[in-house]
Protein backbone atom coordinates (compact mmCIF):
# COMPACT_ATOMS: atom_id res chain seq x y z
CA ARG A 1 -0.24 0.10 -0.09
CA SER A 2 1.31 3.43 -0.88
CA ASP A 3 1.36 6.48 1.55
CA VAL A 4 1.36 8.78 -1.22
CA VAL A 5 1.79 9.44 -4.92
CA VAL A 6 3.79 12.12 -6.20
CA LEU A 7 2.48 12.79 -10.04
CA CYS A 8 4.95 14.72 -11.80
CA PHE A 9 4.91 16.47 -15.28
CA SER A 10 7.51 18.36 -17.54
CA LEU A 11 6.84 21.87 -17.88
CA ALA A 12 8.04 21.91 -21.12
CA ASN A 13 5.61 19.32 -22.58
CA PRO A 14 1.87 20.22 -22.63
CA ASN A 15 1.26 16.77 -23.53
CA SER A 16 2.91 15.56 -20.14
CA LEU A 17 -0.21 17.96 -18.45
CA ARG A 18 -2.67 16.38 -20.62
CA HIS A 19 -1.48 13.04 -19.33
CA VAL A 20 -1.64 13.29 -15.65
CA LYS A 21 -5.82 14.42 -16.00
CA THR A 22 -6.56 11.64 -18.36
CA MET A 23 -4.30 8.50 -17.90
CA TRP A 24 -2.15 9.25 -14.53
CA TYR A 25 -4.77 10.29 -12.00
CA PRO A 26 -7.91 7.91 -13.22
CA GLU A 27 -5.45 4.85 -12.58
CA ILE A 28 -3.99 6.07 -9.19
CA LYS A 29 -7.74 6.46 -8.08
CA HIS A 30 -8.48 3.20 -9.26
CA PHE A 31 -5.90 1.41 -7.46
CA CYS A 32 -5.44 4.03 -4.72
CA PRO A 33 -8.42 5.41 -3.76
CA ARG A 34 -7.68 6.62 -0.61
CA THR A 35 -3.77 7.50 -0.88
CA PRO A 36 -3.10 11.23 -1.25
CA ILE A 37 -1.48 13.12 -4.50
CA VAL A 38 0.89 15.87 -4.84
CA LEU A 39 1.05 17.33 -8.18
CA VAL A 40 4.70 18.41 -9.09
CA GLY A 41 5.60 20.39 -12.10
CA CYS A 42 9.25 19.81 -12.88
CA GLN A 43 12.05 21.83 -14.85
CA LEU A 44 11.17 25.24 -13.84
CA ASP A 45 14.13 26.29 -14.78
CA LEU A 46 13.26 26.21 -18.62
CA ARG A 47 10.94 28.33 -18.01
CA TYR A 48 13.59 31.35 -18.31
CA ALA A 49 16.69 29.29 -19.86
CA ASP A 50 17.70 30.55 -23.21
CA LEU A 51 15.76 27.34 -25.48
CA GLU A 52 18.53 28.11 -28.34
CA ALA A 53 21.31 27.10 -26.05
CA VAL A 54 19.43 23.99 -24.37
CA ASN A 55 18.08 22.45 -27.85
CA ARG A 56 21.87 23.26 -28.95
CA ALA A 57 22.81 20.60 -25.88
CA ARG A 58 20.09 18.12 -26.34
CA ARG A 59 20.82 15.03 -28.05
CA PRO A 60 20.78 15.57 -32.24
CA LEU A 61 17.01 13.40 -32.84
CA ALA A 62 15.22 14.87 -29.54
CA LYS A 63 12.37 16.95 -30.30
CA PRO A 64 13.48 20.64 -29.89
CA ILE A 65 11.77 22.32 -27.19
CA LYS A 66 9.49 25.52 -28.19
CA PRO A 67 9.17 29.23 -26.20
CA THR A 68 5.20 28.09 -26.81
CA ASP A 69 5.88 24.58 -25.05
CA ILE A 70 6.28 26.41 -21.76
CA LEU A 71 3.51 25.81 -19.27
CA PRO A 72 2.72 28.95 -17.10
CA PRO A 73 2.22 28.16 -13.38
CA GLU A 74 -1.53 28.98 -13.57
CA ARG A 75 -2.35 25.83 -16.16
CA GLY A 76 -0.55 23.82 -13.35
CA HIS A 77 -2.75 25.72 -10.64
CA GLU A 78 -5.51 25.05 -12.87
CA VAL A 79 -5.09 21.19 -12.56
CA ALA A 80 -4.33 21.27 -9.16
CA LYS A 81 -7.35 22.78 -8.39
CA GLU A 82 -9.49 20.35 -10.60
CA LEU A 83 -8.22 17.34 -9.14
CA GLY A 84 -8.07 18.71 -5.76
CA VAL A 85 -4.47 18.33 -4.93
CA PRO A 86 -1.59 20.54 -3.78
CA TYR A 87 0.74 21.98 -6.31
CA TYR A 88 4.27 21.95 -6.30
CA GLU A 89 7.27 23.42 -9.12
CA THR A 90 10.79 21.93 -9.07
CA SER A 91 14.38 22.40 -10.70
CA VAL A 92 16.87 20.52 -9.69
CA VAL A 93 19.52 22.91 -11.76
CA ALA A 94 17.70 25.78 -9.49
CA GLN A 95 17.77 23.52 -6.59
CA PHE A 96 14.51 24.67 -5.80
CA GLY A 97 11.02 23.01 -4.04
CA ILE A 98 12.79 19.83 -4.13
CA LYS A 99 12.66 19.90 -0.15
CA ASP A 100 9.00 21.49 -0.52
CA VAL A 101 7.45 18.58 -2.02
CA PHE A 102 8.90 15.68 0.23
CA ASP A 103 8.16 17.75 3.56
CA ASN A 104 4.45 18.24 1.97
CA ALA A 105 4.55 14.68 0.75
CA ILE A 106 5.03 13.56 4.24
CA ARG A 107 2.41 16.08 5.74
CA ALA A 108 -0.31 14.62 3.37
CA ALA A 109 0.43 10.84 4.03
CA LEU A 110 0.44 11.36 7.81
CA ILE A 111 -3.15 13.82 7.46
CA SER A 112 -4.50 10.69 5.30
CA ARG A 113 -3.92 8.76 8.86
CA ARG A 114 -6.14 10.84 10.63
CA HIS A 115 -9.19 8.16 10.29
CA LEU A 116 -7.37 5.38 12.60
CA GLN A 117 -8.17 5.56 15.82
CA PHE A 118 -4.21 5.35 17.01
CA TRP A 119 -3.27 8.42 14.88
CA LYS A 120 -6.51 10.70 15.94
CA SER A 121 -5.27 11.97 19.26
CA HIS A 122 -1.19 11.91 17.98
CA LEU A 123 -1.98 13.87 14.29
CA LYS A 124 -4.15 16.83 15.87
CA LYS A 125 -1.70 19.31 15.44
CA MET A 126 0.02 17.96 12.37
CA GLN A 127 -0.43 20.39 9.41
CA ARG A 128 -2.16 19.95 5.89
CA PRO A 129 0.30 20.71 2.97
CA LEU A 130 2.03 24.41 2.87
CA LEU A 131 1.80 26.55 0.21
CA GLN A 132 4.90 27.04 -2.03
CA ALA A 133 6.28 30.38 -2.50
CA PRO A 134 6.84 31.38 -6.08
CA PHE A 135 10.15 30.74 -7.75
CA LEU A 136 11.97 34.66 -8.77
CA PRO A 137 14.40 33.81 -11.65
CA PRO A 138 18.13 35.04 -11.15
CA LYS A 139 18.35 38.38 -12.40
CA PRO A 140 19.86 38.03 -16.01
CA PRO A 141 23.28 39.53 -16.41
CA PRO A 142 24.21 42.62 -18.18
CA PRO A 143 25.70 42.32 -21.28
CA VAL A 144 29.38 42.71 -22.19
CA ILE A 145 30.26 45.27 -24.31
CA GLN A 146 33.06 43.24 -26.99
CA VAL A 147 35.66 45.30 -28.20
CA PRO A 148 37.27 44.10 -31.66
CA ASP A 149 40.84 44.14 -31.64
CA PRO A 150 43.15 46.54 -33.36
CA PRO A 151 43.08 45.33 -37.28
CA THR A 152 46.79 43.59 -37.78
CA SER A 153 46.94 45.32 -41.12
CA ARG A 154 45.12 48.00 -43.21
CA SER A 155 45.24 48.89 -46.59
CA TRP A 156 46.67 52.22 -46.39
CA GLY A 157 48.25 52.10 -43.13
CA PRO A 158 52.44 53.69 -42.68
CA ALA A 159 54.09 51.34 -44.96
CA ALA A 160 51.05 51.67 -48.02
CA LEU A 161 51.36 55.08 -47.81
CA PHE A 162 55.12 55.42 -48.04
CA CYS A 163 55.19 53.75 -50.95
CA THR A 164 52.20 55.27 -52.54
CA PRO A 165 52.65 58.86 -51.43
CA LEU A 166 49.32 60.45 -51.17
CA CYS A 167 49.02 64.17 -49.80
CA ALA A 168 53.17 64.31 -49.49
CA ASP A 169 54.35 67.70 -48.79
CA VAL A 170 58.33 66.81 -48.65
CA VAL A 171 59.97 65.56 -51.49
CA PHE A 172 63.63 64.45 -51.19
CA GLN A 173 66.19 65.64 -54.47
CA LEU A 174 68.87 62.85 -54.69
CA GLN A 175 71.79 63.06 -56.96
CA GLY A 176 71.16 62.00 -60.49
CA GLY A 177 67.60 63.42 -60.48
CA GLN A 178 65.91 60.84 -58.69
CA ARG A 179 62.96 62.04 -56.00
CA VAL A 180 61.53 60.63 -52.73
CA PHE A 181 58.11 61.76 -51.73
CA ALA A 182 57.02 61.54 -48.26
CA HIS A 183 55.42 63.08 -45.08
CA ARG A 184 56.76 65.93 -42.69
CA VAL A 185 54.26 64.69 -40.07
CA TYR A 186 56.07 61.08 -40.20
CA LEU A 187 59.43 62.24 -40.28
CA ALA A 188 59.34 64.74 -37.72
CA THR A 189 57.69 62.48 -35.16
CA SER A 190 60.11 60.22 -35.69
CA CYS A 191 63.40 61.69 -36.11
CA SER A 192 64.74 64.89 -33.86
CA LYS A 193 67.03 65.68 -37.00
CA PHE A 194 64.08 66.18 -39.50
CA TYR A 195 62.17 67.97 -36.54
CA ASP A 196 64.88 70.42 -36.79
CA LEU A 197 64.79 70.77 -40.43
CA PHE A 198 61.32 70.94 -40.97
CA THR A 199 60.80 74.10 -38.03
CA LEU A 200 63.80 76.22 -39.54
CA GLU A 201 62.80 80.06 -39.53
CA GLY A 202 61.29 81.31 -42.66
CA PRO A 203 62.95 83.08 -45.69
CA ARG A 204 65.28 86.03 -44.91
CA GLY A 205 64.72 85.75 -40.96
CA GLY A 206 60.62 86.05 -41.33
CA SER A 207 58.74 85.31 -37.71
CA LYS A 208 57.44 81.86 -37.56
CA GLU A 209 53.60 80.95 -38.40
CA PRO A 210 51.73 80.68 -34.63
CA ALA A 211 50.47 76.41 -34.30
CA ALA A 212 46.67 77.86 -34.19
CA ARG A 213 46.86 79.94 -37.40
CA THR A 214 44.07 77.59 -39.31
CA LYS A 215 45.38 79.40 -43.03
CA SER A 216 46.12 76.83 -45.55
CA LEU A 217 49.37 74.79 -44.88
CA ASP A 218 50.52 74.42 -48.43
CA GLY A 219 53.29 76.96 -47.53
CA GLU A 220 51.36 79.74 -49.61
CA GLN A 221 52.79 82.48 -46.98
CA GLY A 222 56.51 80.91 -47.97
CA VAL A 223 56.93 79.19 -44.41
CA LEU A 224 58.24 75.90 -43.54
CA ALA A 225 56.24 74.93 -40.62
CA GLU A 226 53.56 76.22 -38.04
CA GLY A 227 53.47 75.96 -34.33
CA VAL A 228 57.61 75.87 -33.67
CA HIS A 229 57.00 76.10 -30.20
CA THR A 230 55.84 72.75 -29.61
CA PRO A 231 58.08 70.65 -27.17
CA LEU A 232 58.60 67.28 -28.30
CA ARG A 233 60.44 64.38 -27.27
CA THR A 234 64.02 63.51 -28.85
CA SER A 235 65.33 59.81 -29.72
CA GLN A 236 67.74 60.13 -27.20
CA SER A 237 66.70 61.64 -24.14
CA ASP A 238 63.22 62.54 -22.69
CA ASP A 239 63.93 66.26 -23.03
CA THR A 240 61.83 68.25 -24.62
CA LEU A 241 62.87 69.69 -28.19
CA ARG A 242 64.46 72.93 -29.05
CA PRO A 243 63.08 74.28 -32.26
CA ALA A 244 66.38 75.25 -34.23
CA ALA A 245 67.21 78.69 -34.02
CA GLY A 246 68.61 78.90 -38.17
CA ASP A 247 72.20 79.09 -37.18
CA ASN A 248 74.24 78.01 -39.68
CA VAL A 249 71.57 78.14 -42.34
CA MET A 250 72.33 80.62 -45.22
CA HIS A 251 69.41 81.92 -47.23
CA SER A 252 70.10 82.43 -51.04
CA ASP A 253 68.96 84.93 -53.43
CA ASN A 254 65.98 82.35 -54.77
CA GLY A 255 64.66 81.75 -51.02
CA SER A 256 66.51 78.34 -51.01
CA ARG A 257 68.47 78.00 -47.65
CA ASP A 258 71.80 76.32 -47.69
CA LEU A 259 72.00 72.89 -45.27
CA SER A 260 75.58 72.24 -46.17
CA ALA A 261 76.73 74.07 -43.16
CA TRP A 262 73.86 73.11 -40.50
CA GLY A 263 74.43 69.17 -40.81
CA ARG A 264 75.41 66.71 -42.33
CA GLY A 265 73.92 65.00 -45.80
CA PHE A 266 71.48 68.02 -46.72
CA LEU A 267 72.43 70.64 -49.14
CA SER A 268 69.40 73.13 -49.14
CA MET A 269 66.06 73.58 -48.79
CA CYS A 270 63.11 75.69 -50.37
CA TRP A 271 59.28 75.72 -51.59
CA GLU A 272 58.57 75.14 -54.74
CA LEU A 273 55.37 73.85 -56.64
CA VAL A 274 55.46 70.44 -57.26
CA ALA A 275 53.04 67.82 -59.10
CA ASP A 276 51.22 65.18 -56.57
CA PRO A 277 52.68 61.81 -56.87
CA VAL A 278 49.48 60.47 -56.49
CA ALA A 279 46.48 62.94 -57.45
CA GLY A 280 48.86 64.70 -60.28
CA ARG A 281 47.60 68.21 -59.10
CA GLU A 282 50.67 70.67 -58.55
CA LYS A 283 51.10 71.93 -55.40
CA ARG A 284 53.57 73.41 -52.99
CA MET A 285 56.07 70.98 -51.28
CA VAL A 286 59.35 71.39 -49.26
CA VAL A 287 62.15 70.38 -51.84
CA VAL A 288 64.90 68.96 -49.77
CA CYS A 289 68.36 68.53 -51.96
CA MET A 290 70.38 65.40 -50.84
CA ASP A 291 74.42 64.96 -50.57
CA TRP A 292 75.66 62.83 -53.03
CA ARG A 293 76.21 60.22 -50.00
CA VAL A 294 72.92 59.42 -49.77
CA GLN A 295 72.12 56.62 -51.95
CA ALA A 296 68.02 56.41 -53.27
CA GLU A 297 67.49 52.31 -52.11
CA PRO A 298 69.38 52.67 -48.53
CA PHE A 299 67.86 56.10 -48.10
CA ARG A 300 64.62 54.71 -48.54
CA ALA A 301 64.77 52.27 -46.36
CA VAL A 302 65.86 54.53 -43.62
CA LEU A 303 62.21 56.74 -44.01
CA GLU A 304 60.75 53.58 -44.17
CA TYR A 305 62.08 52.69 -40.62
CA LEU A 306 60.32 56.54 -39.82
CA TYR A 307 57.44 55.23 -41.22
CA THR A 308 56.87 52.10 -39.76
CA GLY A 309 59.40 51.64 -37.12
CA ARG A 310 60.20 48.48 -38.67
CA LEU A 311 63.87 46.98 -40.38
CA ASP A 312 64.08 44.63 -43.23
CA GLN A 313 67.36 42.17 -41.58
CA THR A 314 67.23 40.36 -45.17
CA ARG A 315 68.59 43.35 -46.89
CA GLY A 316 71.99 43.11 -48.50
CA ASP A 317 72.39 47.15 -47.72
CA LEU A 318 72.48 47.05 -44.25
CA MET A 319 75.92 48.89 -43.57
CA GLN A 320 74.52 51.79 -46.27
CA VAL A 321 71.54 52.30 -44.51
CA ALA A 322 73.82 52.14 -41.21
CA THR A 323 75.66 54.92 -42.46
CA ILE A 324 72.55 57.12 -43.87
CA ALA A 325 71.11 56.34 -41.09
CA GLU A 326 74.34 57.66 -38.74
CA LEU A 327 75.03 61.08 -41.41
CA LEU A 328 71.21 61.39 -40.71
CA GLU A 329 71.08 61.17 -37.14
CA VAL A 330 68.72 58.11 -37.42
CA PHE A 331 70.36 56.54 -33.81
CA ASP A 332 67.94 54.03 -33.09
CA LEU A 333 68.04 52.49 -36.71
CA ARG A 334 71.65 52.41 -36.46
CA MET A 335 71.67 50.92 -32.98
CA MET A 336 69.39 47.86 -34.85
CA VAL A 337 71.63 47.48 -37.78
CA ALA A 338 74.58 46.83 -35.52
CA ASN A 339 72.62 44.33 -33.44
CA VAL A 340 71.20 42.59 -36.85
CA LEU A 341 74.86 42.43 -37.88
CA ASN A 342 76.20 41.30 -34.50
CA LYS A 343 73.78 38.28 -34.38
CA GLU A 344 71.47 40.35 -31.35
CA SER A 345 68.37 40.97 -33.21
CA PHE A 346 66.99 40.04 -30.02
CA MET A 347 67.59 43.54 -28.44
CA ASN A 348 65.88 45.53 -31.17
CA GLN A 349 62.07 44.67 -29.56
CA GLU A 350 62.75 46.98 -26.71
CA ILE A 351 64.34 49.92 -29.33
CA THR A 352 61.22 49.55 -31.75
CA LYS A 353 58.83 49.49 -28.32
CA ALA A 354 60.69 52.74 -27.46
CA PHE A 355 59.85 54.36 -30.88
CA HIS A 356 56.23 53.84 -30.98
CA VAL A 357 55.83 55.00 -27.51
CA ARG A 358 58.02 58.08 -28.31
CA ARG A 359 56.36 58.39 -31.72
CA ALA A 360 52.95 58.21 -29.96
CA ASN A 361 53.82 60.94 -27.51
CA ARG A 362 55.24 63.13 -30.40
CA ILE A 363 52.19 62.55 -32.18
CA LYS A 364 49.81 63.42 -29.39
CA GLU A 365 51.70 66.95 -28.65
CA CYS A 366 51.49 67.61 -32.72
CA LEU A 367 47.67 67.53 -32.43
CA GLY A 368 47.34 69.78 -29.01
CA LYS A 369 49.65 72.34 -30.93
CA GLY A 370 48.53 71.93 -35.06
CA VAL A 371 52.78 71.68 -35.81
CA PHE A 372 52.75 69.86 -39.47
CA ALA A 373 48.84 70.28 -40.00
CA ASP A 374 47.89 70.53 -43.35
CA VAL A 375 43.91 70.45 -43.10
CA VAL A 376 41.54 72.41 -40.52
CA PHE A 377 38.08 70.98 -39.18
CA ARG A 378 35.16 72.77 -39.12
CA VAL A 379 32.82 72.44 -36.56
CA ASP A 380 30.20 73.78 -34.75
CA ASP A 381 31.81 75.80 -32.11
CA GLY A 382 35.47 75.76 -33.74
CA ALA A 383 38.60 74.84 -35.81
CA VAL A 384 40.38 71.78 -35.25
CA PRO A 385 44.05 71.40 -37.09
CA ALA A 386 44.60 68.00 -38.29
CA HIS A 387 47.31 65.92 -40.43
CA LYS A 388 46.42 64.05 -44.06
CA PRO A 389 48.66 61.70 -43.83
CA LEU A 390 47.86 60.23 -40.59
CA LEU A 391 44.24 60.47 -40.91
CA ILE A 392 44.55 58.58 -44.04
CA ALA A 393 46.60 55.90 -42.14
CA GLY A 394 43.78 55.88 -39.65
CA CYS A 395 40.67 55.93 -41.19
CA ASP A 396 38.73 54.67 -44.78
CA TRP A 397 36.77 57.35 -44.43
CA MET A 398 39.33 59.86 -44.43
CA MET A 399 40.94 58.11 -47.24
CA ALA A 400 38.71 58.31 -49.44
CA MET A 401 37.65 61.63 -48.79
CA PHE A 402 41.74 62.67 -49.77
CA ARG A 403 42.11 60.12 -52.07
CA GLY A 404 39.11 60.97 -54.34
CA ALA A 405 38.13 63.72 -57.10
CA PHE A 406 36.14 65.04 -53.77
CA ARG A 407 36.99 68.82 -53.44
CA GLU A 408 38.17 68.10 -49.63
CA SER A 409 41.41 66.42 -51.39
CA TYR A 410 42.97 69.64 -51.99
CA ALA A 411 41.26 71.69 -49.74
CA ALA A 412 42.92 73.56 -46.65
CA GLU A 413 40.03 73.66 -44.89
CA VAL A 414 37.09 70.99 -44.36
CA SER A 415 33.54 71.93 -42.98
CA LEU A 416 32.20 69.12 -40.96
CA PRO A 417 29.16 70.23 -39.61
CA GLY A 418 27.42 68.26 -36.89
CA THR A 419 29.25 67.36 -34.08
CA ASN A 420 32.18 69.44 -32.17
CA CYS A 421 35.93 70.22 -31.00
CA ALA A 422 35.83 67.68 -28.43
CA CYS A 423 34.46 65.07 -30.12
CA LEU A 424 36.47 65.76 -33.01
CA ARG A 425 40.28 65.67 -31.06
CA ALA A 426 38.50 62.52 -29.27
CA VAL A 427 38.61 60.66 -32.52
CA LEU A 428 41.71 62.20 -33.99
CA ASP A 429 43.84 61.38 -30.93
CA PHE A 430 42.61 57.75 -31.36
CA LEU A 431 43.60 57.60 -35.24
CA TYR A 432 47.19 59.16 -34.25
CA THR A 433 47.99 56.92 -31.52
CA GLY A 434 45.01 54.03 -31.29
CA VAL A 435 44.09 54.74 -27.65
CA PHE A 436 40.94 56.34 -26.50
CA THR A 437 41.19 58.89 -23.74
CA PRO A 438 38.17 60.72 -22.85
CA THR A 439 37.68 64.05 -21.21
CA PRO A 440 35.37 65.61 -18.98
CA ASP A 441 34.01 67.80 -21.37
CA LEU A 442 33.59 64.93 -23.88
CA ASP A 443 30.00 63.56 -25.13
CA ALA A 444 29.51 60.11 -25.21
CA MET A 445 26.59 60.21 -27.34
CA GLU A 446 27.71 62.59 -30.06
CA LEU A 447 30.94 60.85 -29.84
CA LEU A 448 28.53 57.79 -31.12
CA ILE A 449 27.62 59.30 -33.71
CA LEU A 450 30.68 60.89 -34.81
CA THR A 451 32.17 57.42 -34.55
CA ASN A 452 29.27 55.68 -36.85
CA ARG A 453 29.76 58.74 -39.10
CA LEU A 454 33.31 57.74 -39.43
CA CYS A 455 33.02 54.26 -39.56
CA LEU A 456 35.29 53.54 -36.42
CA PRO A 457 33.94 50.08 -35.22
CA ARG A 458 36.48 50.06 -32.78
CA LEU A 459 36.40 53.27 -31.12
CA GLN A 460 32.53 53.14 -31.01
CA ALA A 461 32.88 49.91 -28.95
CA LEU A 462 35.09 52.29 -26.55
CA THR A 463 32.94 55.16 -26.65
CA GLU A 464 30.32 52.53 -25.53
CA GLN A 465 32.10 50.86 -22.44
CA TYR A 466 32.52 54.54 -21.69
CA ALA A 467 29.01 55.46 -21.59
CA VAL A 468 28.25 52.15 -19.87
CA ASP A 469 30.71 53.02 -17.02
CA GLU A 470 29.86 57.14 -16.76
CA LEU A 471 25.97 55.37 -16.11
CA LEU A 472 26.88 52.78 -13.71
CA ARG A 473 29.11 55.39 -11.76
CA ALA A 474 26.48 57.90 -11.94
CA PHE A 475 24.02 54.63 -10.06
CA MET A 476 26.29 54.14 -8.25
CA GLN A 477 26.37 57.65 -6.39
CA ARG A 478 22.31 57.25 -6.36
CA VAL A 479 21.66 59.46 -9.39
CA GLU A 480 18.63 58.62 -11.28
CA ILE A 481 19.73 57.29 -14.63
CA ASP A 482 16.40 56.01 -15.93
CA GLU A 483 15.40 59.06 -17.91
CA GLN A 484 19.09 59.06 -19.68
CA VAL A 485 19.06 55.72 -20.65
CA ILE A 486 15.79 56.19 -22.70
CA ILE A 487 17.24 58.96 -24.16
CA TYR A 488 20.30 56.62 -24.76
CA LEU A 489 18.42 53.43 -26.21
CA GLU A 490 16.44 56.23 -29.03
CA MET A 491 19.86 57.48 -30.03
CA THR A 492 21.74 54.39 -29.86
CA GLN A 493 19.28 52.00 -31.72
CA PHE A 494 19.44 55.16 -34.86
CA HIS A 495 23.17 55.18 -34.87
CA ASN A 496 23.78 51.49 -35.03
CA ALA A 497 25.56 51.49 -31.51
CA ARG A 498 23.85 48.25 -30.56
CA GLN A 499 26.15 47.19 -28.28
CA LEU A 500 24.86 50.28 -25.77
CA ALA A 501 21.37 49.63 -27.38
CA ALA A 502 21.47 46.04 -25.61
CA TRP A 503 22.45 47.45 -22.36
CA CYS A 504 19.96 50.28 -22.26
CA LEU A 505 17.58 47.59 -22.95
CA HIS A 506 18.77 45.21 -20.25
CA TYR A 507 18.87 47.80 -17.87
CA ILE A 508 15.38 49.23 -18.54
CA CYS A 509 13.91 45.01 -18.87
CA THR A 510 15.57 44.45 -15.36
CA ASN A 511 14.02 47.91 -13.83
CA TYR A 512 10.73 48.21 -16.04
CA ASN A 513 8.04 48.71 -13.06
CA SER A 514 10.04 51.47 -11.97
CA VAL A 515 11.03 53.27 -15.42
CA CYS A 516 7.43 52.92 -16.42
CA ARG A 517 6.18 54.45 -13.56
CA ARG A 518 8.46 57.48 -13.55
CA PHE A 519 8.56 57.72 -17.05
CA PRO A 520 5.12 56.47 -18.73
CA ARG A 521 4.82 58.79 -21.47
CA GLU A 522 8.18 58.66 -22.43
CA MET A 523 7.83 55.07 -22.36
CA LYS A 524 4.46 55.07 -24.66
CA ARG A 525 5.97 57.42 -26.58
CA ARG A 526 9.56 55.77 -27.71
CA CYS A 527 8.60 52.23 -26.96
CA PRO A 528 5.09 51.89 -28.43
CA VAL A 529 3.01 49.08 -28.49
CA LEU A 530 3.49 47.05 -31.54
CA SER A 531 7.60 48.10 -32.07
CA GLU A 532 9.73 45.61 -31.51
CA ASN A 533 11.29 47.26 -28.21
CA GLN A 534 8.11 47.00 -26.33
CA ALA A 535 7.94 43.25 -27.94
CA HIS A 536 11.84 42.60 -26.28
CA PHE A 537 10.55 44.41 -22.66
CA GLU A 538 7.86 42.12 -22.67
CA ARG A 539 9.83 38.96 -23.35
CA HIS A 540 12.58 39.79 -20.84
CA ARG A 541 11.24 41.76 -18.18
CA TRP A 542 12.42 41.42 -14.79
CA PRO A 543 10.79 40.16 -12.40
CA PRO A 544 8.93 37.91 -15.55
CA VAL A 545 4.87 38.45 -15.55
CA TRP A 546 4.39 35.14 -14.70
CA TYR A 547 6.01 35.49 -11.31
CA LEU A 548 4.42 38.74 -10.40
CA LYS A 549 0.91 36.18 -10.93
CA GLU A 550 2.35 33.62 -9.07
CA GLU A 551 3.26 36.11 -6.24
CA ASP A 552 -0.08 37.90 -6.46
CA LEU A 553 -1.80 34.44 -6.43
CA TYR A 554 0.46 32.85 -3.54
CA LEU A 555 -0.25 35.89 -1.32
CA ARG A 556 -3.95 35.61 -1.69
CA SER A 557 -3.92 32.03 -1.13
CA LYS A 558 -2.08 32.78 2.03
CA LYS A 559 -4.41 35.35 3.33
CA GLU A 560 -7.19 33.13 2.49
CA ARG A 561 -5.52 30.43 4.22
CA GLU A 562 -4.76 31.98 7.55
CA ARG A 563 -8.64 33.47 7.36
CA GLU A 564 -9.35 29.89 7.36
CA GLU A 565 -7.14 28.64 10.04
CA GLN A 566 -8.26 31.64 12.38
CA LEU A 567 -12.19 30.46 11.63
CA GLN A 568 -10.95 27.22 12.70
CA ARG A 569 -9.57 28.28 16.05
CA LYS A 570 -12.73 29.80 17.03
CA GLN A 571 -14.83 26.84 16.33
CA HIS A 572 -12.43 24.35 18.27
CA THR A 573 -11.60 26.70 21.12
CA ARG A 574 -9.97 25.01 24.37
CA SER A 575 -12.39 24.04 27.76
CA LYS A 576 -11.98 27.13 30.07
CA TRP A 577 -12.75 27.64 33.72
CA CYS A 578 -15.56 28.92 34.53
CA PHE A 579 -14.52 32.17 35.96
CA TRP A 580 -11.78 32.31 33.26
CA ARG A 581 -12.30 35.24 31.21
CA PRO A 582 -11.39 36.08 27.91
CA SER A 583 -9.26 39.57 27.38
């Protein structure tokens, strides 16, 4: 004889619940008419689990679980009420409800024995099966912002820019008529000697142009460089570079400068109209005539090192490269060649690392002061000088604008409406150094709009992470962020910031009741009932709707049971003494 029957069904299989009424309950009542029954719904964790992941983990031939197969709690309560049995839900995965089932099954078995003579007095205080509190599913974790790795190779990186000198602004005239085109900003930020060369005084002792000037930097005013008061770092020490004072520089009548006494390897320098090697359009460039000792191929190797920081160790003319590096005072390259010849190439890694760190610091100073800038961006609240070579090497959008037949490819001033100086400087800082450095005056939403416009996915992800960190910091300081999150959700979905949009959706889902209570109009205006966002909220809100209904049912049932027990206690009062008065 059975003392109790635990009748189980799966909450992810409607047929199993149907069989409880049509098959198992009639059979139990036929063979065990006086045995108490406890109805148990199993696999409660599937109600809030990721069904796609669950189906992938199941056997290949197993029937996939559909969202429509998941039974809500009210279905189990309806069947339990129809059969007149207590109902519980369990989950082995969540470790919920298992003890409740066995404890209350024991209670049901003991209460069923009250009709026996021996148990009438011993089971008076035995409670009937208790109600089960609803299971609150765990709060889903917020989505993690995934920042993509920087591209290992770019079609228009520094190496490609040296091979195809787009927007070149300096040409080296070698003996024999050969010409080598390059970019001043790459050479000056990589080598102190070239920085001194390009910051010499203007013709006939003219004053240097201020760094903040926003006119064309093609040399139309007859100057070589701007912002000569900018401190940069030397390649040998951490001292700031002092602009060259122009000593030992002779000026000829035609405006060229005699550099033979200024440095080895250089003969003269002047501004000339030179045809651009890529666009074919004439523009003013710095023309530097080199000494006969500077050969073409080794000189190209030196310049390529200044662009990329790498040395081709398989070259057969390493000694000539070292000679020219010594001549032009590129001491890092000379040391690297010496290490290769001495079979100590492993020491070059530290030299290369220091080279890139030093150049990144110099480039940031160039950005801050506008040194060697060749284009000015006009934005809503001002002007920002920039450098076309660095923009082309870091952004495909900029490369397409400056390389193509657009007006901006040869204009000294480019209009960029819809953004501000702080956002554009943050973008330029990232393109120049590869590092995102937020500033106090930076608006994350404005920067996201600009990164989407310029097609910069890595910077966009970094900005999304910055926006999330700012929201969480405000939340920890007990600042209300609900309205800001709603605004972010609308803007991020419009401007393709999908990761931040997913984070905003998660925040609203996990705080759905409070957000709707504080901003009902905003939620209805931005999230109409038939919209995709509203459907997402209904599926992923926490606590879920079924839990709120179950909690309400539990509280109402608990009050009804307490009321019944109170009435029962009044009906079966204890015997009292005649002089006892209830207070």
